[in-house]
PDB file of N, CA and C in Angstrom:
ATOM      1  N   MET A   1     121.502  64.639 136.457  1.00  0.00           N
ATOM      2  CA  MET A   1     122.272  66.020 136.385  1.00  0.00           C
ATOM      3  C   MET A   1     121.377  66.869 137.292  1.00  0.00           C
ATOM      4  N   ALA A   2     120.070  66.748 137.168  1.00  0.00           N
ATOM      5  CA  ALA A   2     119.256  67.575 137.810  1.00  0.00           C
ATOM      6  C   ALA A   2     119.273  67.467 139.541  1.00  0.00           C
ATOM      7  N   VAL A   3     119.372  66.305 139.845  1.00  0.00           N
ATOM      8  CA  VAL A   3     119.677  66.083 141.319  1.00  0.00           C
ATOM      9  C   VAL A   3     121.081  66.811 141.906  1.00  0.00           C
ATOM     10  N   GLU A   4     121.890  66.655 140.998  1.00  0.00           N
ATOM     11  CA  GLU A   4     123.307  67.516 141.155  1.00  0.00           C
ATOM     12  C   GLU A   4     123.130  68.581 141.335  1.00  0.00           C
ATOM     13  N   ILE A   5     122.508  69.416 140.276  1.00  0.00           N
ATOM     14  CA  ILE A   5     122.344  70.806 140.095  1.00  0.00           C
ATOM     15  C   ILE A   5     121.583  71.294 141.455  1.00  0.00           C
ATOM     16  N   TYR A   6     120.482  70.709 141.824  1.00  0.00           N
ATOM     17  CA  TYR A   6     119.734  71.160 143.064  1.00  0.00           C
ATOM     18  C   TYR A   6     120.675  71.194 144.176  1.00  0.00           C
ATOM     19  N   GLU A   7     121.274  69.866 144.413  1.00  0.00           N
ATOM     20  CA  GLU A   7     122.352  70.078 145.501  1.00  0.00           C
ATOM     21  C   GLU A   7     123.542  70.985 145.558  1.00  0.00           C
ATOM     22  N   VAL A   8     123.869  71.390 144.412  1.00  0.00           N
ATOM     23  CA  VAL A   8     125.109  72.112 144.257  1.00  0.00           C
ATOM     24  C   VAL A   8     124.548  73.592 144.613  1.00  0.00           C
ATOM     25  N   PHE A   9     123.439  73.961 143.921  1.00  0.00           N
ATOM     26  CA  PHE A   9     123.026  75.240 144.329  1.00  0.00           C
ATOM     27  C   PHE A   9     121.904  75.328 145.385  1.00  0.00           C
ATOM     28  N   ASP A  10     121.643  74.397 146.303  1.00  0.00           N
ATOM     29  CA  ASP A  10     120.909  74.371 147.392  1.00  0.00           C
ATOM     30  C   ASP A  10     121.227  75.687 148.365  1.00  0.00           C
ATOM     31  N   GLY A  11     122.376  76.114 148.516  1.00  0.00           N
ATOM     32  CA  GLY A  11     122.442  77.030 149.429  1.00  0.00           C
ATOM     33  C   GLY A  11     122.645  78.602 148.548  1.00  0.00           C
ATOM     34  N   THR A  12     122.484  78.576 147.493  1.00  0.00           N
ATOM     35  CA  THR A  12     122.592  79.910 146.735  1.00  0.00           C
ATOM     36  C   THR A  12     121.460  80.918 147.143  1.00  0.00           C
ATOM     37  N   LYS A  13     121.980  82.054 147.372  1.00  0.00           N
ATOM     38  CA  LYS A  13     121.240  83.094 147.808  1.00  0.00           C
ATOM     39  C   LYS A  13     120.551  83.770 146.643  1.00  0.00           C
ATOM     40  N   ASP A  14     120.954  83.782 145.512  1.00  0.00           N
ATOM     41  CA  ASP A  14     120.515  84.447 144.327  1.00  0.00           C
ATOM     42  C   ASP A  14     119.451  83.461 143.768  1.00  0.00           C
ATOM     43  N   PHE A  15     118.084  83.624 144.455  1.00  0.00           N
ATOM     44  CA  PHE A  15     116.980  82.777 144.243  1.00  0.00           C
ATOM     45  C   PHE A  15     116.504  82.602 142.881  1.00  0.00           C
ATOM     46  N   SER A  16     116.622  83.753 142.097  1.00  0.00           N
ATOM     47  CA  SER A  16     115.975  83.780 140.589  1.00  0.00           C
ATOM     48  C   SER A  16     117.131  83.005 139.900  1.00  0.00           C
ATOM     49  N   PHE A  17     118.490  83.054 140.084  1.00  0.00           N
ATOM     50  CA  PHE A  17     119.234  82.137 139.236  1.00  0.00           C
ATOM     51  C   PHE A  17     119.024  80.583 139.694  1.00  0.00           C
ATOM     52  N   LYS A  18     119.177  80.415 141.097  1.00  0.00           N
ATOM     53  CA  LYS A  18     118.759  79.044 141.310  1.00  0.00           C
ATOM     54  C   LYS A  18     117.574  78.486 140.803  1.00  0.00           C
ATOM     55  N   ASN A  19     116.423  79.371 140.766  1.00  0.00           N
ATOM     56  CA  ASN A  19     115.224  78.701 140.290  1.00  0.00           C
ATOM     57  C   ASN A  19     115.442  78.520 138.782  1.00  0.00           C
ATOM     58  N   GLN A  20     116.092  79.266 137.926  1.00  0.00           N
ATOM     59  CA  GLN A  20     116.054  79.344 136.496  1.00  0.00           C
ATOM     60  C   GLN A  20     117.051  78.022 136.099  1.00  0.00           C
ATOM     61  N   ILE A  21     118.224  77.799 136.629  1.00  0.00           N
ATOM     62  CA  ILE A  21     119.124  76.705 136.594  1.00  0.00           C
ATOM     63  C   ILE A  21     118.290  75.522 136.750  1.00  0.00           C
ATOM     64  N   CYS A  22     117.688  75.467 138.070  1.00  0.00           N
ATOM     65  CA  CYS A  22     116.842  74.097 138.426  1.00  0.00           C
ATOM     66  C   CYS A  22     115.877  73.954 137.342  1.00  0.00           C
ATOM     67  N   ARG A  23     115.036  74.792 136.906  1.00  0.00           N
ATOM     68  CA  ARG A  23     114.083  74.678 136.007  1.00  0.00           C
ATOM     69  C   ARG A  23     114.589  74.112 134.648  1.00  0.00           C
ATOM     70  N   ALA A  24     115.795  74.695 134.206  1.00  0.00           N
ATOM     71  CA  ALA A  24     116.324  74.365 132.895  1.00  0.00           C
ATOM     72  C   ALA A  24     116.764  72.681 132.869  1.00  0.00           C
ATOM     73  N   THR A  25     117.359  72.371 134.040  1.00  0.00           N
ATOM     74  CA  THR A  25     117.890  71.408 134.113  1.00  0.00           C
ATOM     75  C   THR A  25     116.760  69.896 134.145  1.00  0.00           C
ATOM     76  N   VAL A  26     115.767  70.440 134.909  1.00  0.00           N
ATOM     77  CA  VAL A  26     114.710  69.374 135.119  1.00  0.00           C
ATOM     78  C   VAL A  26     113.921  69.480 133.563  1.00  0.00           C
ATOM     79  N   SER A  27     113.781  70.447 132.914  1.00  0.00           N
ATOM     80  CA  SER A  27     113.078  70.516 131.481  1.00  0.00           C
ATOM     81  C   SER A  27     113.860  69.600 130.517  1.00  0.00           C
ATOM     82  N   VAL A  28     115.102  69.258 130.837  1.00  0.00           N
ATOM     83  CA  VAL A  28     115.878  68.265 129.933  1.00  0.00           C
ATOM     84  C   VAL A  28     115.106  67.011 130.130  1.00  0.00           C
ATOM     85  N   SER A  29     115.065  66.336 131.163  1.00  0.00           N
ATOM     86  CA  SER A  29     114.480  64.905 131.303  1.00  0.00           C
ATOM     87  C   SER A  29     113.130  65.092 131.274  1.00  0.00           C
ATOM     88  N   ASN A  30     112.344  66.082 131.605  1.00  0.00           N
ATOM     89  CA  ASN A  30     110.758  66.082 131.272  1.00  0.00           C
ATOM     90  C   ASN A  30     110.446  66.455 129.800  1.00  0.00           C
ATOM     91  N   ASN A  31     111.126  67.148 129.176  1.00  0.00           N
ATOM     92  CA  ASN A  31     110.928  67.034 127.523  1.00  0.00           C
ATOM     93  C   ASN A  31     111.143  65.551 127.045  1.00  0.00           C
ATOM     94  N   ILE A  32     112.033  64.921 127.279  1.00  0.00           N
ATOM     95  CA  ILE A  32     112.440  63.701 126.680  1.00  0.00           C
ATOM     96  C   ILE A  32     111.389  62.755 127.258  1.00  0.00           C
ATOM     97  N   ALA A  33     110.607  62.806 128.572  1.00  0.00           N
ATOM     98  CA  ALA A  33     109.698  62.004 128.926  1.00  0.00           C
ATOM     99  C   ALA A  33     108.332  62.304 128.042  1.00  0.00           C
ATOM    100  N   GLU A  34     108.143  63.704 128.102  1.00  0.00           N
ATOM    101  CA  GLU A  34     106.997  64.011 127.078  1.00  0.00           C
ATOM    102  C   GLU A  34     107.079  63.555 125.772  1.00  0.00           C
ATOM    103  N   GLY A  35     108.048  63.670 125.202  1.00  0.00           N
ATOM    104  CA  GLY A  35     108.282  63.444 123.620  1.00  0.00           C
ATOM    105  C   GLY A  35     108.245  61.934 123.700  1.00  0.00           C
ATOM    106  N   PHE A  36     108.623  61.250 124.494  1.00  0.00           N
ATOM    107  CA  PHE A  36     108.647  59.657 124.145  1.00  0.00           C
ATOM    108  C   PHE A  36     107.100  59.145 123.976  1.00  0.00           C
ATOM    109  N   ASP A  37     106.179  59.896 124.413  1.00  0.00           N
ATOM    110  CA  ASP A  37     104.874  59.464 124.375  1.00  0.00           C
ATOM    111  C   ASP A  37     104.130  60.134 123.243  1.00  0.00           C
ATOM    112  N   ARG A  38     104.871  60.656 122.322  1.00  0.00           N
ATOM    113  CA  ARG A  38     104.424  61.543 121.151  1.00  0.00           C
ATOM    114  C   ARG A  38     103.818  60.502 119.974  1.00  0.00           C
ATOM    115  N   SER A  39     103.135  61.087 119.126  1.00  0.00           N
ATOM    116  CA  SER A  39     102.492  59.986 118.201  1.00  0.00           C
ATOM    117  C   SER A  39     103.364  59.491 116.887  1.00  0.00           C
ATOM    118  N   SER A  40     104.538  60.429 116.731  1.00  0.00           N
ATOM    119  CA  SER A  40     105.303  60.190 115.757  1.00  0.00           C
ATOM    120  C   SER A  40     106.892  60.334 116.210  1.00  0.00           C
ATOM    121  N   ASP A  41     107.794  59.653 115.386  1.00  0.00           N
ATOM    122  CA  ASP A  41     109.076  59.835 115.528  1.00  0.00           C
ATOM    123  C   ASP A  41     109.657  61.315 115.406  1.00  0.00           C
ATOM    124  N   ALA A  42     108.930  61.854 114.367  1.00  0.00           N
ATOM    125  CA  ALA A  42     109.237  63.235 113.940  1.00  0.00           C
ATOM    126  C   ALA A  42     108.909  64.283 115.056  1.00  0.00           C
ATOM    127  N   ASP A  43     107.675  63.941 115.753  1.00  0.00           N
ATOM    128  CA  ASP A  43     107.353  64.817 116.813  1.00  0.00           C
ATOM    129  C   ASP A  43     108.234  64.424 117.972  1.00  0.00           C
ATOM    130  N   PHE A  44     108.613  63.358 118.324  1.00  0.00           N
ATOM    131  CA  PHE A  44     109.485  62.852 119.419  1.00  0.00           C
ATOM    132  C   PHE A  44     110.896  63.664 119.191  1.00  0.00           C
ATOM    133  N   ALA A  45     111.434  63.710 117.839  1.00  0.00           N
ATOM    134  CA  ALA A  45     112.661  64.315 117.542  1.00  0.00           C
ATOM    135  C   ALA A  45     112.546  65.898 117.825  1.00  0.00           C
ATOM    136  N   ARG A  46     111.291  66.564 117.474  1.00  0.00           N
ATOM    137  CA  ARG A  46     111.115  67.993 117.566  1.00  0.00           C
ATOM    138  C   ARG A  46     111.123  68.339 119.064  1.00  0.00           C
ATOM    139  N   ILE A  47     110.641  67.480 120.016  1.00  0.00           N
ATOM    140  CA  ILE A  47     110.777  67.673 121.422  1.00  0.00           C
ATOM    141  C   ILE A  47     111.999  67.574 122.084  1.00  0.00           C
ATOM    142  N   LEU A  48     112.871  66.671 121.419  1.00  0.00           N
ATOM    143  CA  LEU A  48     114.239  66.242 121.943  1.00  0.00           C
ATOM    144  C   LEU A  48     115.046  67.541 121.542  1.00  0.00           C
ATOM    145  N   TYR A  49     114.888  68.310 120.413  1.00  0.00           N
ATOM    146  CA  TYR A  49     115.523  69.400 120.208  1.00  0.00           C
ATOM    147  C   TYR A  49     115.129  70.662 121.209  1.00  0.00           C
ATOM    148  N   ILE A  50     114.046  70.513 121.749  1.00  0.00           N
ATOM    149  CA  ILE A  50     113.803  71.438 122.933  1.00  0.00           C
ATOM    150  C   ILE A  50     114.615  70.970 124.186  1.00  0.00           C
ATOM    151  N   SER A  51     114.424  69.763 124.230  1.00  0.00           N
ATOM    152  CA  SER A  51     115.429  69.207 125.440  1.00  0.00           C
ATOM    153  C   SER A  51     116.749  69.699 125.372  1.00  0.00           C
ATOM    154  N   LEU A  52     117.208  69.412 124.311  1.00  0.00           N
ATOM    155  CA  LEU A  52     118.658  69.838 123.816  1.00  0.00           C
ATOM    156  C   LEU A  52     118.982  71.383 124.216  1.00  0.00           C
ATOM    157  N   GLY A  53     118.087  72.160 123.856  1.00  0.00           N
ATOM    158  CA  GLY A  53     117.946  73.675 124.143  1.00  0.00           C
ATOM    159  C   GLY A  53     118.105  73.929 125.726  1.00  0.00           C
ATOM    160  N   SER A  54     117.293  72.981 126.438  1.00  0.00           N
ATOM    161  CA  SER A  54     117.381  73.383 127.860  1.00  0.00           C
ATOM    162  C   SER A  54     118.438  72.697 128.499  1.00  0.00           C
ATOM    163  N   ASN A  55     119.361  71.892 127.850  1.00  0.00           N
ATOM    164  CA  ASN A  55     120.491  71.293 128.248  1.00  0.00           C
ATOM    165  C   ASN A  55     121.554  72.380 127.939  1.00  0.00           C
ATOM    166  N   SER A  56     121.479  73.224 126.840  1.00  0.00           N
ATOM    167  CA  SER A  56     122.414  74.226 126.428  1.00  0.00           C
ATOM    168  C   SER A  56     122.139  75.418 127.451  1.00  0.00           C
ATOM    169  N   GLU A  57     120.803  75.655 127.800  1.00  0.00           N
ATOM    170  CA  GLU A  57     120.641  76.818 128.865  1.00  0.00           C
ATOM    171  C   GLU A  57     121.342  76.462 130.092  1.00  0.00           C
ATOM    172  N   THR A  58     121.046  75.161 130.593  1.00  0.00           N
ATOM    173  CA  THR A  58     121.587  74.856 131.747  1.00  0.00           C
ATOM    174  C   THR A  58     123.364  75.031 131.676  1.00  0.00           C
ATOM    175  N   LYS A  59     123.947  74.482 130.596  1.00  0.00           N
ATOM    176  CA  LYS A  59     125.384  74.741 130.325  1.00  0.00           C
ATOM    177  C   LYS A  59     125.719  76.071 130.474  1.00  0.00           C
ATOM    178  N   SER A  60     125.044  77.096 129.780  1.00  0.00           N
ATOM    179  CA  SER A  60     125.456  78.552 129.669  1.00  0.00           C
ATOM    180  C   SER A  60     125.343  79.086 131.114  1.00  0.00           C
ATOM    181  N   MET A  61     124.318  78.609 131.987  1.00  0.00           N
ATOM    182  CA  MET A  61     124.167  79.203 133.328  1.00  0.00           C
ATOM    183  C   MET A  61     125.124  78.604 134.211  1.00  0.00           C
ATOM    184  N   LEU A  62     125.973  77.355 133.712  1.00  0.00           N
ATOM    185  CA  LEU A  62     126.879  76.870 134.738  1.00  0.00           C
ATOM    186  C   LEU A  62     128.152  77.586 134.496  1.00  0.00           C
ATOM    187  N   TYR A  63     128.365  78.203 133.251  1.00  0.00           N
ATOM    188  CA  TYR A  63     129.470  78.965 132.919  1.00  0.00           C
ATOM    189  C   TYR A  63     129.522  80.334 133.612  1.00  0.00           C
ATOM    190  N   LEU A  64     128.065  80.896 133.698  1.00  0.00           N
ATOM    191  CA  LEU A  64     127.776  81.986 134.498  1.00  0.00           C
ATOM    192  C   LEU A  64     128.254  81.698 135.958  1.00  0.00           C
ATOM    193  N   ALA A  65     127.594  80.737 136.445  1.00  0.00           N
ATOM    194  CA  ALA A  65     127.603  80.457 138.022  1.00  0.00           C
ATOM    195  C   ALA A  65     129.047  80.390 138.231  1.00  0.00           C
ATOM    196  N   ALA A  66     130.189  79.911 137.503  1.00  0.00           N
ATOM    197  CA  ALA A  66     131.451  79.995 137.745  1.00  0.00           C
ATOM    198  C   ALA A  66     131.993  81.217 137.956  1.00  0.00           C
ATOM    199  N   ARG A  67     131.577  82.063 136.867  1.00  0.00           N
ATOM    200  CA  ARG A  67     132.265  83.630 136.753  1.00  0.00           C
ATOM    201  C   ARG A  67     131.608  84.310 137.928  1.00  0.00           C
ATOM    202  N   LEU A  68     130.533  84.114 138.428  1.00  0.00           N
ATOM    203  CA  LEU A  68     129.720  84.723 139.619  1.00  0.00           C
ATOM    204  C   LEU A  68     130.191  84.186 140.921  1.00  0.00           C
ATOM    205  N   LYS A  69     131.152  83.052 140.756  1.00  0.00           N
ATOM    206  CA  LYS A  69     131.625  82.304 142.041  1.00  0.00           C
ATOM    207  C   LYS A  69     130.609  81.667 142.673  1.00  0.00           C
ATOM    208  N   TYR A  70     129.470  81.318 142.299  1.00  0.00           N
ATOM    209  CA  TYR A  70     128.325  80.495 142.803  1.00  0.00           C
ATOM    210  C   TYR A  70     128.786  78.916 142.774  1.00  0.00           C
ATOM    211  N   ILE A  71     129.881  78.364 142.016  1.00  0.00           N
ATOM    212  CA  ILE A  71     130.518  77.072 141.890  1.00  0.00           C
ATOM    213  C   ILE A  71     131.878  77.316 141.798  1.00  0.00           C
ATOM    214  N   ASN A  72     132.759  76.399 142.244  1.00  0.00           N
ATOM    215  CA  ASN A  72     134.088  76.381 141.876  1.00  0.00           C
ATOM    216  C   ASN A  72     134.463  75.651 140.843  1.00  0.00           C
ATOM    217  N   ASN A  73     135.515  75.859 140.345  1.00  0.00           N
ATOM    218  CA  ASN A  73     136.004  75.159 138.960  1.00  0.00           C
ATOM    219  C   ASN A  73     135.995  73.786 138.797  1.00  0.00           C
ATOM    220  N   ASP A  74     136.031  73.069 139.861  1.00  0.00           N
ATOM    221  CA  ASP A  74     136.101  71.636 139.832  1.00  0.00           C
ATOM    222  C   ASP A  74     134.356  71.168 139.592  1.00  0.00           C
ATOM    223  N   GLN A  75     133.510  71.875 140.177  1.00  0.00           N
ATOM    224  CA  GLN A  75     132.176  71.742 140.095  1.00  0.00           C
ATOM    225  C   GLN A  75     131.792  72.102 138.426  1.00  0.00           C
ATOM    226  N   LYS A  76     132.281  73.034 138.075  1.00  0.00           N
ATOM    227  CA  LYS A  76     132.067  73.510 136.708  1.00  0.00           C
ATOM    228  C   LYS A  76     132.622  72.739 135.780  1.00  0.00           C
ATOM    229  N   ILE A  77     133.690  72.099 135.889  1.00  0.00           N
ATOM    230  CA  ILE A  77     134.237  71.201 134.901  1.00  0.00           C
ATOM    231  C   ILE A  77     133.230  69.798 135.023  1.00  0.00           C
ATOM    232  N   LYS A  78     132.945  69.433 136.201  1.00  0.00           N
ATOM    233  CA  LYS A  78     132.144  68.185 136.275  1.00  0.00           C
ATOM    234  C   LYS A  78     130.888  68.190 135.558  1.00  0.00           C
ATOM    235  N   LEU A  79     130.169  69.408 135.934  1.00  0.00           N
ATOM    236  CA  LEU A  79     128.802  69.469 135.457  1.00  0.00           C
ATOM    237  C   LEU A  79     128.757  69.798 134.040  1.00  0.00           C
ATOM    238  N   ILE A  80     129.535  70.533 133.402  1.00  0.00           N
ATOM    239  CA  ILE A  80     129.848  70.624 131.963  1.00  0.00           C
ATOM    240  C   ILE A  80     130.149  69.443 131.277  1.00  0.00           C
ATOM    241  N   ALA A  81     131.037  68.740 131.840  1.00  0.00           N
ATOM    242  CA  ALA A  81     131.258  67.224 131.201  1.00  0.00           C
ATOM    243  C   ALA A  81     129.861  66.688 131.261  1.00  0.00           C
ATOM    244  N   GLN A  82     129.076  66.619 132.287  1.00  0.00           N
ATOM    245  CA  GLN A  82     127.716  65.711 132.247  1.00  0.00           C
ATOM    246  C   GLN A  82     126.845  66.543 131.202  1.00  0.00           C
ATOM    247  N   SER A  83     126.759  67.706 131.274  1.00  0.00           N
ATOM    248  CA  SER A  83     125.972  68.412 130.115  1.00  0.00           C
ATOM    249  C   SER A  83     126.330  67.975 128.711  1.00  0.00           C
ATOM    250  N   ASP A  84     127.658  67.919 128.173  1.00  0.00           N
ATOM    251  CA  ASP A  84     128.304  67.482 127.064  1.00  0.00           C
ATOM    252  C   ASP A  84     127.787  66.208 126.905  1.00  0.00           C
ATOM    253  N   LYS A  85     127.824  65.106 127.831  1.00  0.00           N
ATOM    254  CA  LYS A  85     127.371  63.740 127.705  1.00  0.00           C
ATOM    255  C   LYS A  85     125.988  63.640 127.308  1.00  0.00           C
ATOM    256  N   ILE A  86     125.096  64.580 127.981  1.00  0.00           N
ATOM    257  CA  ILE A  86     123.660  64.448 127.703  1.00  0.00           C
ATOM    258  C   ILE A  86     123.502  64.929 126.347  1.00  0.00           C
ATOM    259  N   SER A  87     124.122  65.881 126.030  1.00  0.00           N
ATOM    260  CA  SER A  87     123.963  66.517 124.584  1.00  0.00           C
ATOM    261  C   SER A  87     124.404  65.630 123.577  1.00  0.00           C
ATOM    262  N   ARG A  88     125.324  64.603 123.698  1.00  0.00           N
ATOM    263  CA  ARG A  88     125.685  63.654 122.765  1.00  0.00           C
ATOM    264  C   ARG A  88     124.708  62.500 122.793  1.00  0.00           C
ATOM    265  N   ILE A  89     124.230  61.990 123.959  1.00  0.00           N
ATOM    266  CA  ILE A  89     123.060  61.131 124.050  1.00  0.00           C
ATOM    267  C   ILE A  89     121.935  61.784 123.235  1.00  0.00           C
ATOM    268  N   ILE A  90     121.395  62.998 123.268  1.00  0.00           N
ATOM    269  CA  ILE A  90     120.139  63.381 122.905  1.00  0.00           C
ATOM    270  C   ILE A  90     120.452  63.440 121.409  1.00  0.00           C
ATOM    271  N   ARG A  91     121.584  63.938 121.066  1.00  0.00           N
ATOM    272  CA  ARG A  91     121.876  64.033 119.510  1.00  0.00           C
ATOM    273  C   ARG A  91     121.820  62.666 118.894  1.00  0.00           C
ATOM    274  N   GLY A  92     122.226  61.614 119.646  1.00  0.00           N
ATOM    275  CA  GLY A  92     122.116  60.108 119.132  1.00  0.00           C
ATOM    276  C   GLY A  92     120.769  59.633 118.880  1.00  0.00           C
ATOM    277  N   LEU A  93     120.005  59.996 119.984  1.00  0.00           N
ATOM    278  CA  LEU A  93     118.705  59.553 119.865  1.00  0.00           C
ATOM    279  C   LEU A  93     117.888  60.318 118.808  1.00  0.00           C
ATOM    280  N   ILE A  94     118.132  61.374 118.586  1.00  0.00           N
ATOM    281  CA  ILE A  94     117.440  62.244 117.535  1.00  0.00           C
ATOM    282  C   ILE A  94     118.050  61.717 116.106  1.00  0.00           C
ATOM    283  N   LYS A  95     119.286  61.374 116.156  1.00  0.00           N
ATOM    284  CA  LYS A  95     119.906  60.666 114.928  1.00  0.00           C
ATOM    285  C   LYS A  95     119.067  59.263 114.605  1.00  0.00           C
ATOM    286  N   SER A  96     118.962  58.638 115.595  1.00  0.00           N
ATOM    287  CA  SER A  96     118.499  57.132 115.603  1.00  0.00           C
ATOM    288  C   SER A  96     116.746  57.414 115.249  1.00  0.00           C
ATOM    289  N   LEU A  97     116.113  58.489 115.441  1.00  0.00           N
ATOM    290  CA  LEU A  97     114.980  58.601 115.019  1.00  0.00           C
ATOM    291  C   LEU A  97     114.592  59.126 113.359  1.00  0.00           C
ATOM    292  N   SER A  98     115.872  59.577 112.843  1.00  0.00           N
ATOM    293  CA  SER A  98     115.693  59.935 111.473  1.00  0.00           C
ATOM    294  C   SER A  98     115.355  58.947 110.473  1.00  0.00           C
ATOM    295  N   PRO A  99     114.749  59.320 109.480  1.00  0.00           N
ATOM    296  CA  PRO A  99     114.189  58.326 108.419  1.00  0.00           C
ATOM    297  C   PRO A  99     115.614  57.626 107.821  1.00  0.00           C
ATOM    298  N   LYS A 100     115.512  56.495 107.652  1.00  0.00           N
ATOM    299  CA  LYS A 100     116.703  55.817 107.067  1.00  0.00           C
ATOM    300  C   LYS A 100     116.710  55.776 105.647  1.00  0.00           C
TER     301      LYS A 100
END
């Protein structure tokens, strides 16, 4: 999703908006990578919640981008669907790390 966000917002003149949404979406995968090498499942799960928050930030900014007409409705629908899928995957991973 990060690559697609970068492509969609490439021409955006609102540089602070573009920077923030790009940073948020990159944080999703970066936090997963960072958490993967943590010493415990509990610590990994904690970092995954941070990743989930970054994904929610990205999603919030997508709604704002549509209202500001930075993206069209089709782009919004597609990217939010991707964000929702990522949330489900992260939540599933968190659940798999929970003590049985």
